[in-house]
PDB file of all heavy atoms in Angstrom:
ATOM      1  N   GLY A   1      -8.658 -13.974  21.553  1.00  0.00           N
ATOM      2  CA  GLY A   1      -8.807 -12.534  21.226  1.00  0.00           C
ATOM      3  C   GLY A   1      -7.606 -11.915  20.823  1.00  0.00           C
ATOM      4  O   GLY A   1      -7.510 -11.142  19.869  1.00  0.00           O
ATOM      5  N   VAL A   2      -6.526 -12.268  21.475  1.00  0.00           N
ATOM      6  CA  VAL A   2      -5.165 -11.739  21.167  1.00  0.00           C
ATOM      7  C   VAL A   2      -4.768 -12.199  19.735  1.00  0.00           C
ATOM      8  O   VAL A   2      -4.262 -11.344  18.955  1.00  0.00           O
ATOM      9  CB  VAL A   2      -4.154 -12.180  22.156  1.00  0.00           C
ATOM     10  CG1 VAL A   2      -2.691 -11.970  21.785  1.00  0.00           C
ATOM     11  CG2 VAL A   2      -4.377 -11.475  23.571  1.00  0.00           C
ATOM     12  N   PHE A   3      -5.008 -13.511  19.407  1.00  0.00           N
ATOM     13  CA  PHE A   3      -4.658 -13.928  18.211  1.00  0.00           C
ATOM     14  C   PHE A   3      -5.450 -13.282  17.053  1.00  0.00           C
ATOM     15  O   PHE A   3      -4.963 -12.863  16.092  1.00  0.00           O
ATOM     16  CB  PHE A   3      -4.938 -15.514  18.043  1.00  0.00           C
ATOM     17  CG  PHE A   3      -4.596 -16.088  16.700  1.00  0.00           C
ATOM     18  CD1 PHE A   3      -3.256 -16.251  16.277  1.00  0.00           C
ATOM     19  CD2 PHE A   3      -5.693 -16.494  15.939  1.00  0.00           C
ATOM     20  CE1 PHE A   3      -3.067 -16.797  15.037  1.00  0.00           C
ATOM     21  CE2 PHE A   3      -5.502 -17.023  14.664  1.00  0.00           C
ATOM     22  CZ  PHE A   3      -4.140 -17.215  14.197  1.00  0.00           C
ATOM     23  N   SER A   4      -6.763 -13.042  17.278  1.00  0.00           N
ATOM     24  CA  SER A   4      -7.596 -12.349  16.410  1.00  0.00           C
ATOM     25  C   SER A   4      -7.149 -10.924  16.153  1.00  0.00           C
ATOM     26  O   SER A   4      -7.185 -10.470  15.000  1.00  0.00           O
ATOM     27  CB  SER A   4      -9.094 -12.387  16.836  1.00  0.00           C
ATOM     28  OG  SER A   4      -9.522 -13.705  16.972  1.00  0.00           O
ATOM     29  N   MET A   5      -6.804 -10.197  17.220  1.00  0.00           N
ATOM     30  CA  MET A   5      -6.229  -8.881  17.019  1.00  0.00           C
ATOM     31  C   MET A   5      -4.963  -8.885  16.232  1.00  0.00           C
ATOM     32  O   MET A   5      -4.699  -7.937  15.346  1.00  0.00           O
ATOM     33  CB  MET A   5      -5.966  -8.280  18.406  1.00  0.00           C
ATOM     34  CG  MET A   5      -7.237  -8.004  19.236  1.00  0.00           C
ATOM     35  SD  MET A   5      -8.313  -6.919  18.463  1.00  0.00           S
ATOM     36  CE  MET A   5      -7.514  -5.326  18.639  1.00  0.00           C
ATOM     37  N   LEU A   6      -4.069  -9.827  16.392  1.00  0.00           N
ATOM     38  CA  LEU A   6      -2.842  -9.934  15.649  1.00  0.00           C
ATOM     39  C   LEU A   6      -3.139 -10.111  14.156  1.00  0.00           C
ATOM     40  O   LEU A   6      -2.549  -9.478  13.254  1.00  0.00           O
ATOM     41  CB  LEU A   6      -1.881 -11.006  16.120  1.00  0.00           C
ATOM     42  CG  LEU A   6      -1.222 -10.714  17.478  1.00  0.00           C
ATOM     43  CD1 LEU A   6      -0.569 -12.031  17.966  1.00  0.00           C
ATOM     44  CD2 LEU A   6      -0.306  -9.533  17.365  1.00  0.00           C
ATOM     45  N   VAL A   7      -4.096 -10.973  13.907  1.00  0.00           N
ATOM     46  CA  VAL A   7      -4.522 -11.229  12.461  1.00  0.00           C
ATOM     47  C   VAL A   7      -5.127 -10.000  11.809  1.00  0.00           C
ATOM     48  O   VAL A   7      -4.758  -9.677  10.733  1.00  0.00           O
ATOM     49  CB  VAL A   7      -5.425 -12.458  12.367  1.00  0.00           C
ATOM     50  CG1 VAL A   7      -6.141 -12.552  10.932  1.00  0.00           C
ATOM     51  CG2 VAL A   7      -4.761 -13.804  12.747  1.00  0.00           C
ATOM     52  N   LEU A   8      -5.967  -9.343  12.582  1.00  0.00           N
ATOM     53  CA  LEU A   8      -6.583  -8.101  12.078  1.00  0.00           C
ATOM     54  C   LEU A   8      -5.532  -7.000  11.909  1.00  0.00           C
ATOM     55  O   LEU A   8      -5.553  -6.338  10.862  1.00  0.00           O
ATOM     56  CB  LEU A   8      -7.619  -7.634  13.127  1.00  0.00           C
ATOM     57  CG  LEU A   8      -8.300  -6.315  12.743  1.00  0.00           C
ATOM     58  CD1 LEU A   8      -9.214  -6.550  11.646  1.00  0.00           C
ATOM     59  CD2 LEU A   8      -9.082  -5.776  14.011  1.00  0.00           C
ATOM     60  N   PHE A   9      -4.558  -6.902  12.767  1.00  0.00           N
ATOM     61  CA  PHE A   9      -3.553  -5.928  12.680  1.00  0.00           C
ATOM     62  C   PHE A   9      -2.701  -6.207  11.326  1.00  0.00           C
ATOM     63  O   PHE A   9      -2.370  -5.274  10.662  1.00  0.00           O
ATOM     64  CB  PHE A   9      -2.645  -5.953  13.874  1.00  0.00           C
ATOM     65  CG  PHE A   9      -1.571  -4.881  13.892  1.00  0.00           C
ATOM     66  CD1 PHE A   9      -1.932  -3.451  13.903  1.00  0.00           C
ATOM     67  CD2 PHE A   9      -0.247  -5.194  13.912  1.00  0.00           C
ATOM     68  CE1 PHE A   9      -0.970  -2.487  13.951  1.00  0.00           C
ATOM     69  CE2 PHE A   9       0.746  -4.168  13.887  1.00  0.00           C
ATOM     70  CZ  PHE A   9       0.396  -2.916  13.959  1.00  0.00           C
ATOM     71  N   GLN A  10      -2.391  -7.425  11.169  1.00  0.00           N
ATOM     72  CA  GLN A  10      -1.557  -7.823  10.006  1.00  0.00           C
ATOM     73  C   GLN A  10      -2.316  -7.471   8.779  1.00  0.00           C
ATOM     74  O   GLN A  10      -1.794  -7.060   7.738  1.00  0.00           O
ATOM     75  CB  GLN A  10      -1.275  -9.326  10.095  1.00  0.00           C
ATOM     76  CG  GLN A  10      -0.246  -9.780   9.051  1.00  0.00           C
ATOM     77  CD  GLN A  10      -0.841 -10.138   7.703  1.00  0.00           C
ATOM     78  OE1 GLN A  10      -2.024 -10.560   7.627  1.00  0.00           O
ATOM     79  NE2 GLN A  10      -0.111 -10.035   6.644  1.00  0.00           N
ATOM     80  N   GLY A  11      -3.702  -7.654   8.729  1.00  0.00           N
ATOM     81  CA  GLY A  11      -4.507  -7.431   7.577  1.00  0.00           C
ATOM     82  C   GLY A  11      -4.561  -5.866   7.277  1.00  0.00           C
ATOM     83  O   GLY A  11      -4.466  -5.475   6.156  1.00  0.00           O
ATOM     84  N   VAL A  12      -4.588  -5.154   8.389  1.00  0.00           N
ATOM     85  CA  VAL A  12      -4.617  -3.629   8.182  1.00  0.00           C
ATOM     86  C   VAL A  12      -3.215  -3.203   7.662  1.00  0.00           C
ATOM     87  O   VAL A  12      -3.232  -2.350   6.727  1.00  0.00           O
ATOM     88  CB  VAL A  12      -4.758  -2.893   9.543  1.00  0.00           C
ATOM     89  CG1 VAL A  12      -4.489  -1.469   9.570  1.00  0.00           C
ATOM     90  CG2 VAL A  12      -6.291  -3.173   9.996  1.00  0.00           C
ATOM     91  N   ILE A  13      -2.139  -3.676   8.080  1.00  0.00           N
ATOM     92  CA  ILE A  13      -0.788  -3.357   7.556  1.00  0.00           C
ATOM     93  C   ILE A  13      -0.717  -3.752   6.100  1.00  0.00           C
ATOM     94  O   ILE A  13      -0.203  -2.943   5.231  1.00  0.00           O
ATOM     95  CB  ILE A  13       0.301  -4.035   8.442  1.00  0.00           C
ATOM     96  CG1 ILE A  13       0.378  -3.337   9.830  1.00  0.00           C
ATOM     97  CG2 ILE A  13       1.628  -3.951   7.657  1.00  0.00           C
ATOM     98  CD1 ILE A  13       1.296  -4.006  10.773  1.00  0.00           C
ATOM     99  N   SER A  14      -1.140  -4.897   5.743  1.00  0.00           N
ATOM    100  CA  SER A  14      -1.132  -5.385   4.358  1.00  0.00           C
ATOM    101  C   SER A  14      -1.951  -4.486   3.500  1.00  0.00           C
ATOM    102  O   SER A  14      -1.554  -4.198   2.408  1.00  0.00           O
ATOM    103  CB  SER A  14      -1.601  -6.818   4.317  1.00  0.00           C
ATOM    104  OG  SER A  14      -1.649  -7.309   2.999  1.00  0.00           O
ATOM    105  N   SER A  15      -3.138  -4.078   3.918  1.00  0.00           N
ATOM    106  CA  SER A  15      -3.991  -3.255   3.109  1.00  0.00           C
ATOM    107  C   SER A  15      -3.322  -1.900   2.915  1.00  0.00           C
ATOM    108  O   SER A  15      -3.362  -1.256   1.868  1.00  0.00           O
ATOM    109  CB  SER A  15      -5.354  -3.054   3.887  1.00  0.00           C
ATOM    110  OG  SER A  15      -6.082  -2.171   3.224  1.00  0.00           O
ATOM    111  N   TYR A  16      -2.664  -1.368   4.052  1.00  0.00           N
ATOM    112  CA  TYR A  16      -1.949  -0.062   3.877  1.00  0.00           C
ATOM    113  C   TYR A  16      -0.877  -0.193   2.851  1.00  0.00           C
ATOM    114  O   TYR A  16      -0.655   0.728   2.089  1.00  0.00           O
ATOM    115  CB  TYR A  16      -1.432   0.269   5.249  1.00  0.00           C
ATOM    116  CG  TYR A  16      -0.510   1.526   5.265  1.00  0.00           C
ATOM    117  CD1 TYR A  16      -1.174   2.813   5.259  1.00  0.00           C
ATOM    118  CD2 TYR A  16       0.842   1.482   5.361  1.00  0.00           C
ATOM    119  CE1 TYR A  16      -0.349   3.868   5.164  1.00  0.00           C
ATOM    120  CE2 TYR A  16       1.604   2.629   5.381  1.00  0.00           C
ATOM    121  CZ  TYR A  16       0.983   3.877   5.233  1.00  0.00           C
ATOM    122  OH  TYR A  16       1.749   4.952   5.264  1.00  0.00           O
ATOM    123  N   LYS A  17      -0.099  -1.227   2.893  1.00  0.00           N
ATOM    124  CA  LYS A  17       1.036  -1.377   1.977  1.00  0.00           C
ATOM    125  C   LYS A  17       0.505  -1.399   0.533  1.00  0.00           C
ATOM    126  O   LYS A  17       1.118  -0.869  -0.382  1.00  0.00           O
ATOM    127  CB  LYS A  17       1.897  -2.611   2.283  1.00  0.00           C
ATOM    128  CG  LYS A  17       2.749  -2.463   3.558  1.00  0.00           C
ATOM    129  CD  LYS A  17       3.636  -3.763   3.805  1.00  0.00           C
ATOM    130  CE  LYS A  17       4.531  -3.556   5.096  1.00  0.00           C
ATOM    131  NZ  LYS A  17       5.234  -4.746   5.321  1.00  0.00           N
ATOM    132  N   LYS A  18      -0.573  -2.197   0.245  1.00  0.00           N
ATOM    133  CA  LYS A  18      -1.064  -2.229  -1.015  1.00  0.00           C
ATOM    134  C   LYS A  18      -1.565  -0.842  -1.557  1.00  0.00           C
ATOM    135  O   LYS A  18      -1.337  -0.449  -2.645  1.00  0.00           O
ATOM    136  CB  LYS A  18      -2.367  -3.210  -1.012  1.00  0.00           C
ATOM    137  CG  LYS A  18      -1.939  -4.599  -1.019  1.00  0.00           C
ATOM    138  CD  LYS A  18      -3.107  -5.561  -0.962  1.00  0.00           C
ATOM    139  CE  LYS A  18      -2.730  -7.034  -0.854  1.00  0.00           C
ATOM    140  NZ  LYS A  18      -3.854  -7.913  -0.771  1.00  0.00           N
ATOM    141  N   ARG A  19      -2.234  -0.084  -0.607  1.00  0.00           N
ATOM    142  CA  ARG A  19      -2.615   1.318  -1.014  1.00  0.00           C
ATOM    143  C   ARG A  19      -1.408   2.226  -1.339  1.00  0.00           C
ATOM    144  O   ARG A  19      -1.419   2.971  -2.192  1.00  0.00           O
ATOM    145  CB  ARG A  19      -3.490   1.904   0.095  1.00  0.00           C
ATOM    146  CG  ARG A  19      -4.896   1.491   0.085  1.00  0.00           C
ATOM    147  CD  ARG A  19      -5.824   2.332   0.978  1.00  0.00           C
ATOM    148  NE  ARG A  19      -5.284   2.608   2.322  1.00  0.00           N
ATOM    149  CZ  ARG A  19      -5.465   1.852   3.423  1.00  0.00           C
ATOM    150  NH1 ARG A  19      -6.040   0.701   3.319  1.00  0.00           N
ATOM    151  NH2 ARG A  19      -4.890   2.297   4.596  1.00  0.00           N
ATOM    152  N   GLN A  20      -0.428   2.037  -0.566  1.00  0.00           N
ATOM    153  CA  GLN A  20       0.888   2.748  -0.801  1.00  0.00           C
ATOM    154  C   GLN A  20       1.457   2.479  -2.120  1.00  0.00           C
ATOM    155  O   GLN A  20       1.957   3.374  -2.870  1.00  0.00           O
ATOM    156  CB  GLN A  20       1.889   2.508   0.324  1.00  0.00           C
ATOM    157  CG  GLN A  20       1.536   3.205   1.720  1.00  0.00           C
ATOM    158  CD  GLN A  20       1.480   4.699   1.607  1.00  0.00           C
ATOM    159  OE1 GLN A  20       0.488   5.287   1.362  1.00  0.00           O
ATOM    160  NE2 GLN A  20       2.601   5.252   1.757  1.00  0.00           N
ATOM    161  N   LEU A  21       1.495   1.196  -2.471  1.00  0.00           N
ATOM    162  CA  LEU A  21       2.009   0.712  -3.639  1.00  0.00           C
ATOM    163  C   LEU A  21       1.227   1.166  -4.926  1.00  0.00           C
ATOM    164  O   LEU A  21       1.727   1.739  -5.867  1.00  0.00           O
ATOM    165  CB  LEU A  21       2.091  -0.862  -3.770  1.00  0.00           C
ATOM    166  CG  LEU A  21       2.631  -1.495  -5.042  1.00  0.00           C
ATOM    167  CD1 LEU A  21       4.055  -1.067  -5.234  1.00  0.00           C
ATOM    168  CD2 LEU A  21       2.487  -3.023  -4.922  1.00  0.00           C
ATOM    169  N   LYS A  22      -0.053   1.172  -4.755  1.00  0.00           N
ATOM    170  CA  LYS A  22      -0.940   1.636  -5.746  1.00  0.00           C
ATOM    171  C   LYS A  22      -0.742   3.130  -5.996  1.00  0.00           C
ATOM    172  O   LYS A  22      -0.636   3.622  -7.080  1.00  0.00           O
ATOM    173  CB  LYS A  22      -2.410   1.445  -5.376  1.00  0.00           C
ATOM    174  CG  LYS A  22      -3.432   1.783  -6.403  1.00  0.00           C
ATOM    175  CD  LYS A  22      -4.883   1.396  -6.100  1.00  0.00           C
ATOM    176  CE  LYS A  22      -5.785   1.750  -7.115  1.00  0.00           C
ATOM    177  NZ  LYS A  22      -7.198   1.515  -6.816  1.00  0.00           N
ATOM    178  N   ARG A  23      -0.568   3.947  -4.906  1.00  0.00           N
ATOM    179  CA  ARG A  23      -0.321   5.401  -5.033  1.00  0.00           C
ATOM    180  C   ARG A  23       0.964   5.607  -5.762  1.00  0.00           C
ATOM    181  O   ARG A  23       1.056   6.529  -6.582  1.00  0.00           O
ATOM    182  CB  ARG A  23      -0.306   6.083  -3.665  1.00  0.00           C
ATOM    183  CG  ARG A  23      -1.763   6.304  -3.108  1.00  0.00           C
ATOM    184  CD  ARG A  23      -1.680   7.260  -1.932  1.00  0.00           C
ATOM    185  NE  ARG A  23      -2.800   6.966  -1.153  1.00  0.00           N
ATOM    186  CZ  ARG A  23      -2.854   6.438   0.055  1.00  0.00           C
ATOM    187  NH1 ARG A  23      -1.736   6.173   0.741  1.00  0.00           N
ATOM    188  NH2 ARG A  23      -3.938   6.334   0.741  1.00  0.00           N
ATOM    189  N   ALA A  24       2.038   4.861  -5.429  1.00  0.00           N
ATOM    190  CA  ALA A  24       3.301   5.044  -6.035  1.00  0.00           C
ATOM    191  C   ALA A  24       3.257   4.725  -7.595  1.00  0.00           C
ATOM    192  O   ALA A  24       3.814   5.466  -8.389  1.00  0.00           O
ATOM    193  CB  ALA A  24       4.331   4.085  -5.325  1.00  0.00           C
ATOM    194  N   LEU A  25       2.585   3.695  -7.934  1.00  0.00           N
ATOM    195  CA  LEU A  25       2.352   3.361  -9.343  1.00  0.00           C
ATOM    196  C   LEU A  25       1.622   4.402 -10.086  1.00  0.00           C
ATOM    197  O   LEU A  25       1.942   4.841 -11.167  1.00  0.00           O
ATOM    198  CB  LEU A  25       1.694   2.053  -9.493  1.00  0.00           C
ATOM    199  CG  LEU A  25       2.604   0.772  -9.170  1.00  0.00           C
ATOM    200  CD1 LEU A  25       1.759  -0.442  -9.113  1.00  0.00           C
ATOM    201  CD2 LEU A  25       3.773   0.686 -10.155  1.00  0.00           C
ATOM    202  N   GLN A  26       0.566   5.015  -9.323  1.00  0.00           N
ATOM    203  CA  GLN A  26      -0.149   6.124 -10.000  1.00  0.00           C
ATOM    204  C   GLN A  26       0.782   7.366 -10.206  1.00  0.00           C
ATOM    205  O   GLN A  26       0.546   7.997 -11.188  1.00  0.00           O
ATOM    206  CB  GLN A  26      -1.404   6.469  -9.131  1.00  0.00           C
ATOM    207  CG  GLN A  26      -2.511   5.375  -9.163  1.00  0.00           C
ATOM    208  CD  GLN A  26      -3.609   5.634  -8.210  1.00  0.00           C
ATOM    209  OE1 GLN A  26      -3.372   6.380  -7.048  1.00  0.00           O
ATOM    210  NE2 GLN A  26      -4.772   5.096  -8.404  1.00  0.00           N
ATOM    211  N   LYS A  27       1.610   7.595  -9.272  1.00  0.00           N
ATOM    212  CA  LYS A  27       2.584   8.699  -9.456  1.00  0.00           C
ATOM    213  C   LYS A  27       3.404   8.494 -10.588  1.00  0.00           C
ATOM    214  O   LYS A  27       3.667   9.421 -11.431  1.00  0.00           O
ATOM    215  CB  LYS A  27       3.416   8.866  -8.106  1.00  0.00           C
ATOM    216  CG  LYS A  27       2.838   9.752  -7.065  1.00  0.00           C
ATOM    217  CD  LYS A  27       3.928   9.874  -6.042  1.00  0.00           C
ATOM    218  CE  LYS A  27       3.353  10.839  -4.870  1.00  0.00           C
ATOM    219  NZ  LYS A  27       4.332  10.963  -3.874  1.00  0.00           N
ATOM    220  N   ILE A  28       3.956   7.303 -10.746  1.00  0.00           N
ATOM    221  CA  ILE A  28       4.842   6.963 -11.907  1.00  0.00           C
ATOM    222  C   ILE A  28       4.025   7.122 -13.194  1.00  0.00           C
ATOM    223  O   ILE A  28       4.543   7.676 -14.207  1.00  0.00           O
ATOM    224  CB  ILE A  28       5.422   5.553 -11.812  1.00  0.00           C
ATOM    225  CG1 ILE A  28       6.406   5.488 -10.607  1.00  0.00           C
ATOM    226  CG2 ILE A  28       6.176   5.114 -13.023  1.00  0.00           C
ATOM    227  CD1 ILE A  28       6.901   4.007 -10.218  1.00  0.00           C
ATOM    228  N   ASP A  29       2.834   6.611 -13.303  1.00  0.00           N
ATOM    229  CA  ASP A  29       2.026   6.674 -14.468  1.00  0.00           C
ATOM    230  C   ASP A  29       1.673   8.138 -14.782  1.00  0.00           C
ATOM    231  O   ASP A  29       1.503   8.363 -16.057  1.00  0.00           O
ATOM    232  CB  ASP A  29       0.731   5.959 -14.279  1.00  0.00           C
ATOM    233  CG  ASP A  29       0.856   4.406 -14.109  1.00  0.00           C
ATOM    234  OD1 ASP A  29       2.001   3.899 -14.567  1.00  0.00           O
ATOM    235  OD2 ASP A  29       0.024   3.671 -13.585  1.00  0.00           O
ATOM    236  N   ALA A  30       1.793   9.066 -13.860  1.00  0.00           N
ATOM    237  CA  ALA A  30       1.363  10.440 -14.179  1.00  0.00           C
ATOM    238  C   ALA A  30       2.646  11.285 -14.522  1.00  0.00           C
ATOM    239  O   ALA A  30       2.547  12.398 -14.964  1.00  0.00           O
ATOM    240  CB  ALA A  30       0.742  11.119 -12.931  1.00  0.00           C
ATOM    241  N   MET A  31       3.789  10.638 -14.394  1.00  0.00           N
ATOM    242  CA  MET A  31       5.077  11.412 -14.742  1.00  0.00           C
ATOM    243  C   MET A  31       5.142  11.607 -16.237  1.00  0.00           C
ATOM    244  O   MET A  31       4.559  10.915 -17.044  1.00  0.00           O
ATOM    245  CB  MET A  31       6.234  10.500 -14.329  1.00  0.00           C
ATOM    246  CG  MET A  31       6.419  10.402 -12.852  1.00  0.00           C
ATOM    247  SD  MET A  31       7.869   9.305 -12.500  1.00  0.00           S
ATOM    248  CE  MET A  31       7.921   9.400 -10.795  1.00  0.00           C
ATOM    249  N   ASN A  32       5.864  12.648 -16.540  1.00  0.00           N
ATOM    250  CA  ASN A  32       6.224  12.843 -17.981  1.00  0.00           C
ATOM    251  C   ASN A  32       7.531  11.977 -18.263  1.00  0.00           C
ATOM    252  O   ASN A  32       8.104  11.402 -17.317  1.00  0.00           O
ATOM    253  CB  ASN A  32       6.429  14.361 -18.423  1.00  0.00           C
ATOM    254  CG  ASN A  32       7.638  14.931 -17.625  1.00  0.00           C
ATOM    255  OD1 ASN A  32       8.612  14.313 -17.474  1.00  0.00           O
ATOM    256  ND2 ASN A  32       7.514  16.210 -17.218  1.00  0.00           N
ATOM    257  N   GLY A  33       7.935  12.000 -19.537  1.00  0.00           N
ATOM    258  CA  GLY A  33       9.051  11.095 -19.815  1.00  0.00           C
ATOM    259  C   GLY A  33      10.423  11.399 -19.101  1.00  0.00           C
ATOM    260  O   GLY A  33      11.101  10.574 -18.728  1.00  0.00           O
ATOM    261  N   PHE A  34      10.658  12.792 -18.900  1.00  0.00           N
ATOM    262  CA  PHE A  34      11.917  13.196 -18.248  1.00  0.00           C
ATOM    263  C   PHE A  34      11.889  12.835 -16.810  1.00  0.00           C
ATOM    264  O   PHE A  34      12.892  12.422 -16.177  1.00  0.00           O
ATOM    265  CB  PHE A  34      12.142  14.678 -18.508  1.00  0.00           C
ATOM    266  CG  PHE A  34      12.283  15.108 -19.934  1.00  0.00           C
ATOM    267  CD1 PHE A  34      11.473  16.094 -20.509  1.00  0.00           C
ATOM    268  CD2 PHE A  34      13.122  14.408 -20.745  1.00  0.00           C
ATOM    269  CE1 PHE A  34      11.564  16.462 -21.748  1.00  0.00           C
ATOM    270  CE2 PHE A  34      13.307  14.727 -22.046  1.00  0.00           C
ATOM    271  CZ  PHE A  34      12.514  15.816 -22.540  1.00  0.00           C
ATOM    272  N   GLU A  35      10.694  13.039 -16.105  1.00  0.00           N
ATOM    273  CA  GLU A  35      10.550  12.660 -14.672  1.00  0.00           C
ATOM    274  C   GLU A  35      10.755  11.117 -14.593  1.00  0.00           C
ATOM    275  O   GLU A  35      11.301  10.646 -13.622  1.00  0.00           O
ATOM    276  CB  GLU A  35       9.173  13.003 -14.152  1.00  0.00           C
ATOM    277  CG  GLU A  35       8.938  14.469 -14.086  1.00  0.00           C
ATOM    278  CD  GLU A  35       7.590  14.942 -13.850  1.00  0.00           C
ATOM    279  OE1 GLU A  35       6.566  14.210 -14.294  1.00  0.00           O
ATOM    280  OE2 GLU A  35       7.324  15.917 -13.077  1.00  0.00           O
ATOM    281  N   PHE A  36      10.228  10.347 -15.522  1.00  0.00           N
ATOM    282  CA  PHE A  36      10.361   8.845 -15.447  1.00  0.00           C
ATOM    283  C   PHE A  36      11.908   8.505 -15.635  1.00  0.00           C
ATOM    284  O   PHE A  36      12.363   7.593 -15.019  1.00  0.00           O
ATOM    285  CB  PHE A  36       9.523   8.189 -16.526  1.00  0.00           C
ATOM    286  CG  PHE A  36       9.564   6.752 -16.485  1.00  0.00           C
ATOM    287  CD1 PHE A  36       9.004   6.037 -15.455  1.00  0.00           C
ATOM    288  CD2 PHE A  36      10.191   5.980 -17.396  1.00  0.00           C
ATOM    289  CE1 PHE A  36       9.006   4.611 -15.301  1.00  0.00           C
ATOM    290  CE2 PHE A  36      10.157   4.583 -17.425  1.00  0.00           C
ATOM    291  CZ  PHE A  36       9.674   3.935 -16.236  1.00  0.00           C
TER     292      PHE A  36
END
């Protein structure tokens, strides 16, 4: 059970980091040339 919780927690963190990265790329894609 402890091991399963650790694996699940690691998966949640990984998913969060992927979403953050996607948001950051979307922000960059929405910038104008000067902001970039």
